[in-house]
Amino acid sequence: MANPASEQPIRRITALDVLRLLSELAAFAILALWGFLAWPFWSNIVFGIVTPGIAIVLWALFVSPKAVLSVHPFIRIVVELMVFVGATIALWGLDLPWLGLGFGVAAVAIGLAHRLRSL
């Protein structure tokens, strides 16, 4: 009797997977940085921890390869865009509009390429 786990194809990690992971981590780091720098003391601790925490929970629930909730691909794309747009706006809020624009364009391009490859 064949083992069902052995019949599944092995998925190789590509450079696009690594770029997507790095863009996700950068978005979470940008949100934390915004929370710590854009608010006065005490508020900055809350925003610096809660803001990336919410983004990580949303990502784990809907976008992650092993997402907790199985939703329509459109919902996955919307949540992914919300996280990246949030990070872009956070950079603009830190008076770094060009860095924000560059990050937003790069993150969306990487996400689009990853989505097209998975089709």
N, C-alpha and C. Protein backbone atom coordinates (compact mmCIF):
# COMPACT_ATOMS: atom_id res chain seq x y z
N MET A 1 0.84 -1.18 0.00
CA MET A 1 0.00 0.00 0.00
C MET A 1 0.89 1.24 0.00
N ALA A 2 0.58 2.18 -0.89
CA ALA A 2 1.41 3.38 -1.03
C ALA A 2 1.09 4.38 0.07
N ASN A 3 2.11 5.08 0.47
CA ASN A 3 1.96 6.13 1.46
C ASN A 3 1.45 7.39 0.76
N PRO A 4 0.27 7.96 1.17
CA PRO A 4 -0.25 9.15 0.48
C PRO A 4 0.68 10.35 0.53
N ALA A 5 1.46 10.46 1.58
CA ALA A 5 2.38 11.59 1.68
C ALA A 5 3.48 11.51 0.65
N SER A 6 3.87 10.31 0.28
CA SER A 6 4.95 10.16 -0.69
C SER A 6 4.49 10.45 -2.11
N GLU A 7 3.17 10.49 -2.37
CA GLU A 7 2.65 10.74 -3.71
C GLU A 7 2.53 12.23 -4.01
N GLN A 8 2.61 13.07 -3.00
CA GLN A 8 2.50 14.51 -3.22
C GLN A 8 3.81 15.04 -3.79
N PRO A 9 3.71 15.93 -4.80
CA PRO A 9 4.95 16.49 -5.37
C PRO A 9 5.65 17.39 -4.35
N ILE A 10 6.96 17.38 -4.39
CA ILE A 10 7.75 18.23 -3.52
C ILE A 10 7.87 19.61 -4.17
N ARG A 11 7.52 20.64 -3.43
CA ARG A 11 7.58 22.00 -3.94
C ARG A 11 8.93 22.60 -3.59
N ARG A 12 9.62 23.06 -4.59
CA ARG A 12 10.93 23.68 -4.41
C ARG A 12 10.78 25.16 -4.09
N ILE A 13 11.65 25.65 -3.23
CA ILE A 13 11.65 27.07 -2.89
C ILE A 13 12.43 27.81 -3.98
N THR A 14 11.81 28.86 -4.51
CA THR A 14 12.43 29.63 -5.58
C THR A 14 12.85 31.01 -5.05
N ALA A 15 13.54 31.75 -5.89
CA ALA A 15 13.96 33.11 -5.53
C ALA A 15 12.74 34.00 -5.31
N LEU A 16 11.66 33.74 -6.05
CA LEU A 16 10.43 34.52 -5.88
C LEU A 16 9.81 34.27 -4.51
N ASP A 17 9.88 33.04 -4.02
CA ASP A 17 9.39 32.74 -2.67
C ASP A 17 10.19 33.51 -1.62
N VAL A 18 11.49 33.57 -1.81
CA VAL A 18 12.35 34.28 -0.86
C VAL A 18 12.05 35.78 -0.90
N LEU A 19 11.87 36.34 -2.10
CA LEU A 19 11.53 37.77 -2.22
C LEU A 19 10.19 38.07 -1.58
N ARG A 20 9.24 37.17 -1.74
CA ARG A 20 7.93 37.40 -1.12
C ARG A 20 8.05 37.38 0.40
N LEU A 21 8.79 36.43 0.93
CA LEU A 21 9.00 36.37 2.38
C LEU A 21 9.67 37.65 2.89
N LEU A 22 10.68 38.10 2.18
CA LEU A 22 11.38 39.32 2.59
C LEU A 22 10.47 40.55 2.53
N SER A 23 9.60 40.61 1.52
CA SER A 23 8.67 41.75 1.43
C SER A 23 7.65 41.71 2.57
N GLU A 24 7.21 40.51 2.94
CA GLU A 24 6.28 40.38 4.08
C GLU A 24 6.95 40.83 5.37
N LEU A 25 8.16 40.34 5.60
CA LEU A 25 8.89 40.71 6.82
C LEU A 25 9.18 42.21 6.85
N ALA A 26 9.50 42.78 5.69
CA ALA A 26 9.75 44.22 5.62
C ALA A 26 8.48 45.00 5.96
N ALA A 27 7.33 44.53 5.48
CA ALA A 27 6.07 45.22 5.79
C ALA A 27 5.81 45.21 7.29
N PHE A 28 6.03 44.07 7.94
CA PHE A 28 5.81 43.99 9.38
C PHE A 28 6.79 44.88 10.13
N ALA A 29 8.04 44.91 9.68
CA ALA A 29 9.04 45.76 10.32
C ALA A 29 8.72 47.24 10.13
N ILE A 30 8.24 47.61 8.95
CA ILE A 30 7.87 49.00 8.69
C ILE A 30 6.71 49.42 9.60
N LEU A 31 5.73 48.54 9.75
CA LEU A 31 4.59 48.86 10.62
C LEU A 31 5.04 49.01 12.07
N ALA A 32 5.97 48.17 12.51
CA ALA A 32 6.50 48.30 13.89
C ALA A 32 7.28 49.60 14.03
N LEU A 33 8.12 49.91 13.06
CA LEU A 33 8.90 51.14 13.10
C LEU A 33 7.99 52.36 13.15
N TRP A 34 6.95 52.36 12.33
CA TRP A 34 5.99 53.46 12.35
C TRP A 34 5.34 53.58 13.72
N GLY A 35 4.94 52.46 14.30
CA GLY A 35 4.31 52.51 15.61
C GLY A 35 5.21 53.08 16.67
N PHE A 36 6.49 52.73 16.61
CA PHE A 36 7.42 53.21 17.64
C PHE A 36 7.86 54.66 17.42
N LEU A 37 7.91 55.13 16.17
CA LEU A 37 8.44 56.46 15.89
C LEU A 37 7.38 57.54 15.72
N ALA A 38 6.18 57.20 15.33
CA ALA A 38 5.19 58.21 14.97
C ALA A 38 4.31 58.66 16.14
N TRP A 39 4.45 58.05 17.29
CA TRP A 39 3.56 58.35 18.41
C TRP A 39 4.38 58.78 19.62
N PRO A 40 3.75 59.54 20.53
CA PRO A 40 4.45 59.93 21.76
C PRO A 40 4.64 58.72 22.68
N PHE A 41 5.47 58.91 23.68
CA PHE A 41 5.79 57.82 24.61
C PHE A 41 4.53 57.25 25.23
N TRP A 42 4.52 56.03 25.50
CA TRP A 42 3.47 55.13 25.96
C TRP A 42 2.59 54.71 24.80
N SER A 43 2.11 55.64 24.02
CA SER A 43 1.32 55.27 22.86
C SER A 43 2.20 54.52 21.86
N ASN A 44 3.46 54.93 21.75
CA ASN A 44 4.34 54.30 20.77
C ASN A 44 4.58 52.83 21.10
N ILE A 45 4.62 52.49 22.37
CA ILE A 45 4.81 51.08 22.74
C ILE A 45 3.61 50.26 22.29
N VAL A 46 2.41 50.78 22.52
CA VAL A 46 1.19 50.07 22.13
C VAL A 46 1.12 49.94 20.60
N PHE A 47 1.28 51.05 19.88
CA PHE A 47 1.19 51.01 18.43
C PHE A 47 2.34 50.21 17.81
N GLY A 48 3.51 50.28 18.40
CA GLY A 48 4.66 49.54 17.87
C GLY A 48 4.52 48.04 17.99
N ILE A 49 3.71 47.58 18.93
CA ILE A 49 3.50 46.14 19.10
C ILE A 49 2.20 45.69 18.46
N VAL A 50 1.14 46.47 18.65
CA VAL A 50 -0.19 46.05 18.17
C VAL A 50 -0.31 46.14 16.64
N THR A 51 0.21 47.18 16.03
CA THR A 51 0.05 47.35 14.58
C THR A 51 0.65 46.19 13.79
N PRO A 52 1.93 45.84 13.99
CA PRO A 52 2.43 44.68 13.25
C PRO A 52 1.77 43.38 13.72
N GLY A 53 1.35 43.34 14.98
CA GLY A 53 0.68 42.14 15.48
C GLY A 53 -0.61 41.87 14.73
N ILE A 54 -1.39 42.92 14.49
CA ILE A 54 -2.64 42.77 13.73
C ILE A 54 -2.33 42.32 12.30
N ALA A 55 -1.32 42.91 11.69
CA ALA A 55 -0.95 42.54 10.33
C ALA A 55 -0.51 41.08 10.27
N ILE A 56 0.25 40.63 11.25
CA ILE A 56 0.72 39.24 11.27
C ILE A 56 -0.45 38.28 11.45
N VAL A 57 -1.39 38.63 12.32
CA VAL A 57 -2.56 37.77 12.53
C VAL A 57 -3.40 37.69 11.25
N LEU A 58 -3.64 38.83 10.60
CA LEU A 58 -4.38 38.82 9.33
C LEU A 58 -3.67 37.97 8.28
N TRP A 59 -2.36 38.11 8.21
CA TRP A 59 -1.58 37.34 7.24
C TRP A 59 -1.69 35.85 7.54
N ALA A 60 -1.57 35.47 8.81
CA ALA A 60 -1.64 34.06 9.18
C ALA A 60 -3.04 33.49 8.94
N LEU A 61 -4.07 34.30 9.14
CA LEU A 61 -5.43 33.80 8.96
C LEU A 61 -5.81 33.63 7.49
N PHE A 62 -5.37 34.55 6.63
CA PHE A 62 -5.89 34.57 5.27
C PHE A 62 -4.87 34.35 4.16
N VAL A 63 -3.64 34.82 4.30
CA VAL A 63 -2.70 34.88 3.17
C VAL A 63 -1.63 33.81 3.21
N SER A 64 -1.25 33.37 4.37
CA SER A 64 -0.16 32.42 4.53
C SER A 64 -0.38 31.16 3.69
N PRO A 65 0.70 30.52 3.24
CA PRO A 65 0.53 29.26 2.50
C PRO A 65 -0.22 28.19 3.31
N LYS A 66 -0.11 28.25 4.62
CA LYS A 66 -0.87 27.34 5.49
C LYS A 66 -1.89 28.14 6.28
N ALA A 67 -2.70 28.93 5.58
CA ALA A 67 -3.65 29.83 6.21
C ALA A 67 -4.66 29.06 7.07
N VAL A 68 -5.05 29.67 8.16
CA VAL A 68 -6.00 29.06 9.08
C VAL A 68 -7.38 28.99 8.43
N LEU A 69 -7.79 30.05 7.76
CA LEU A 69 -9.09 30.10 7.12
C LEU A 69 -8.93 29.98 5.60
N SER A 70 -9.69 29.10 5.01
CA SER A 70 -9.67 28.94 3.56
C SER A 70 -10.73 29.87 2.97
N VAL A 71 -10.27 30.90 2.29
CA VAL A 71 -11.17 31.90 1.73
C VAL A 71 -10.95 32.01 0.23
N HIS A 72 -11.82 32.74 -0.41
CA HIS A 72 -11.72 32.98 -1.85
C HIS A 72 -10.40 33.71 -2.14
N PRO A 73 -9.76 33.40 -3.27
CA PRO A 73 -8.49 34.07 -3.60
C PRO A 73 -8.59 35.59 -3.62
N PHE A 74 -9.75 36.14 -3.97
CA PHE A 74 -9.91 37.59 -3.97
C PHE A 74 -9.71 38.16 -2.57
N ILE A 75 -10.24 37.48 -1.55
CA ILE A 75 -10.08 37.93 -0.17
C ILE A 75 -8.61 37.89 0.23
N ARG A 76 -7.92 36.83 -0.19
CA ARG A 76 -6.48 36.72 0.10
C ARG A 76 -5.72 37.91 -0.49
N ILE A 77 -6.05 38.25 -1.73
CA ILE A 77 -5.37 39.35 -2.40
C ILE A 77 -5.67 40.68 -1.70
N VAL A 78 -6.91 40.87 -1.28
CA VAL A 78 -7.30 42.12 -0.61
C VAL A 78 -6.55 42.26 0.72
N VAL A 79 -6.46 41.18 1.49
CA VAL A 79 -5.76 41.24 2.77
C VAL A 79 -4.27 41.51 2.54
N GLU A 80 -3.69 40.84 1.55
CA GLU A 80 -2.27 41.06 1.23
C GLU A 80 -2.03 42.52 0.83
N LEU A 81 -2.91 43.07 0.01
CA LEU A 81 -2.77 44.47 -0.39
C LEU A 81 -2.95 45.42 0.79
N MET A 82 -3.86 45.09 1.71
CA MET A 82 -4.06 45.93 2.89
C MET A 82 -2.78 46.03 3.71
N VAL A 83 -2.08 44.92 3.87
CA VAL A 83 -0.84 44.93 4.66
C VAL A 83 0.21 45.77 3.94
N PHE A 84 0.37 45.58 2.63
CA PHE A 84 1.39 46.32 1.89
C PHE A 84 1.03 47.81 1.77
N VAL A 85 -0.23 48.12 1.57
CA VAL A 85 -0.64 49.53 1.51
C VAL A 85 -0.46 50.18 2.88
N GLY A 86 -0.76 49.44 3.93
CA GLY A 86 -0.54 49.96 5.28
C GLY A 86 0.92 50.29 5.53
N ALA A 87 1.82 49.42 5.09
CA ALA A 87 3.25 49.68 5.25
C ALA A 87 3.68 50.87 4.40
N THR A 88 3.12 51.00 3.21
CA THR A 88 3.45 52.13 2.34
C THR A 88 2.99 53.44 2.97
N ILE A 89 1.78 53.46 3.48
CA ILE A 89 1.26 54.66 4.13
C ILE A 89 2.06 54.97 5.39
N ALA A 90 2.49 53.94 6.10
CA ALA A 90 3.31 54.16 7.30
C ALA A 90 4.63 54.85 6.94
N LEU A 91 5.24 54.45 5.83
CA LEU A 91 6.47 55.13 5.40
C LEU A 91 6.19 56.58 5.02
N TRP A 92 5.07 56.82 4.37
CA TRP A 92 4.70 58.20 4.05
C TRP A 92 4.50 58.99 5.33
N GLY A 93 3.89 58.36 6.35
CA GLY A 93 3.68 59.04 7.62
C GLY A 93 4.98 59.35 8.34
N LEU A 94 6.03 58.62 8.02
CA LEU A 94 7.36 58.89 8.59
C LEU A 94 8.16 59.84 7.73
N ASP A 95 7.49 60.54 6.80
CA ASP A 95 8.13 61.48 5.87
C ASP A 95 9.16 60.82 4.97
N LEU A 96 8.85 59.61 4.54
CA LEU A 96 9.69 58.88 3.58
C LEU A 96 8.83 58.46 2.39
N PRO A 97 8.27 59.44 1.64
CA PRO A 97 7.32 59.09 0.58
C PRO A 97 7.94 58.29 -0.56
N TRP A 98 9.16 58.61 -0.94
CA TRP A 98 9.77 57.89 -2.06
C TRP A 98 10.11 56.46 -1.67
N LEU A 99 10.56 56.26 -0.46
CA LEU A 99 10.82 54.90 0.03
C LEU A 99 9.50 54.14 0.11
N GLY A 100 8.45 54.82 0.55
CA GLY A 100 7.13 54.19 0.62
C GLY A 100 6.62 53.79 -0.75
N LEU A 101 6.76 54.69 -1.70
CA LEU A 101 6.33 54.39 -3.06
C LEU A 101 7.13 53.23 -3.65
N GLY A 102 8.44 53.25 -3.44
CA GLY A 102 9.29 52.16 -3.94
C GLY A 102 8.93 50.83 -3.30
N PHE A 103 8.71 50.84 -1.99
CA PHE A 103 8.34 49.60 -1.32
C PHE A 103 6.99 49.11 -1.82
N GLY A 104 6.03 50.01 -1.96
CA GLY A 104 4.70 49.61 -2.43
C GLY A 104 4.74 48.98 -3.81
N VAL A 105 5.47 49.61 -4.72
CA VAL A 105 5.56 49.09 -6.09
C VAL A 105 6.27 47.73 -6.08
N ALA A 106 7.37 47.62 -5.34
CA ALA A 106 8.10 46.36 -5.29
C ALA A 106 7.26 45.26 -4.66
N ALA A 107 6.58 45.55 -3.56
CA ALA A 107 5.78 44.53 -2.88
C ALA A 107 4.63 44.05 -3.75
N VAL A 108 3.96 44.97 -4.43
CA VAL A 108 2.85 44.58 -5.30
C VAL A 108 3.37 43.78 -6.50
N ALA A 109 4.51 44.18 -7.06
CA ALA A 109 5.07 43.45 -8.20
C ALA A 109 5.47 42.03 -7.79
N ILE A 110 6.08 41.88 -6.62
CA ILE A 110 6.45 40.56 -6.14
C ILE A 110 5.21 39.72 -5.87
N GLY A 111 4.21 40.32 -5.22
CA GLY A 111 2.97 39.59 -4.96
C GLY A 111 2.26 39.17 -6.23
N LEU A 112 2.23 40.06 -7.23
CA LEU A 112 1.60 39.74 -8.51
C LEU A 112 2.34 38.61 -9.22
N ALA A 113 3.66 38.69 -9.25
CA ALA A 113 4.45 37.64 -9.88
C ALA A 113 4.25 36.30 -9.16
N HIS A 114 4.19 36.33 -7.86
CA HIS A 114 3.98 35.10 -7.08
C HIS A 114 2.59 34.53 -7.37
N ARG A 115 1.58 35.40 -7.45
CA ARG A 115 0.22 34.95 -7.71
C ARG A 115 0.11 34.37 -9.13
N LEU A 116 0.74 35.01 -10.11
CA LEU A 116 0.69 34.51 -11.48
C LEU A 116 1.41 33.17 -11.61
N ARG A 117 2.50 33.00 -10.87
CA ARG A 117 3.21 31.73 -10.92
C ARG A 117 2.38 30.60 -10.32
N SER A 118 1.58 30.91 -9.29
CA SER A 118 0.78 29.87 -8.64
C SER A 118 -0.42 29.45 -9.49
N LEU A 119 -0.79 30.28 -10.49
CA LEU A 119 -1.90 29.89 -11.36
C LEU A 119 -1.40 28.89 -12.33
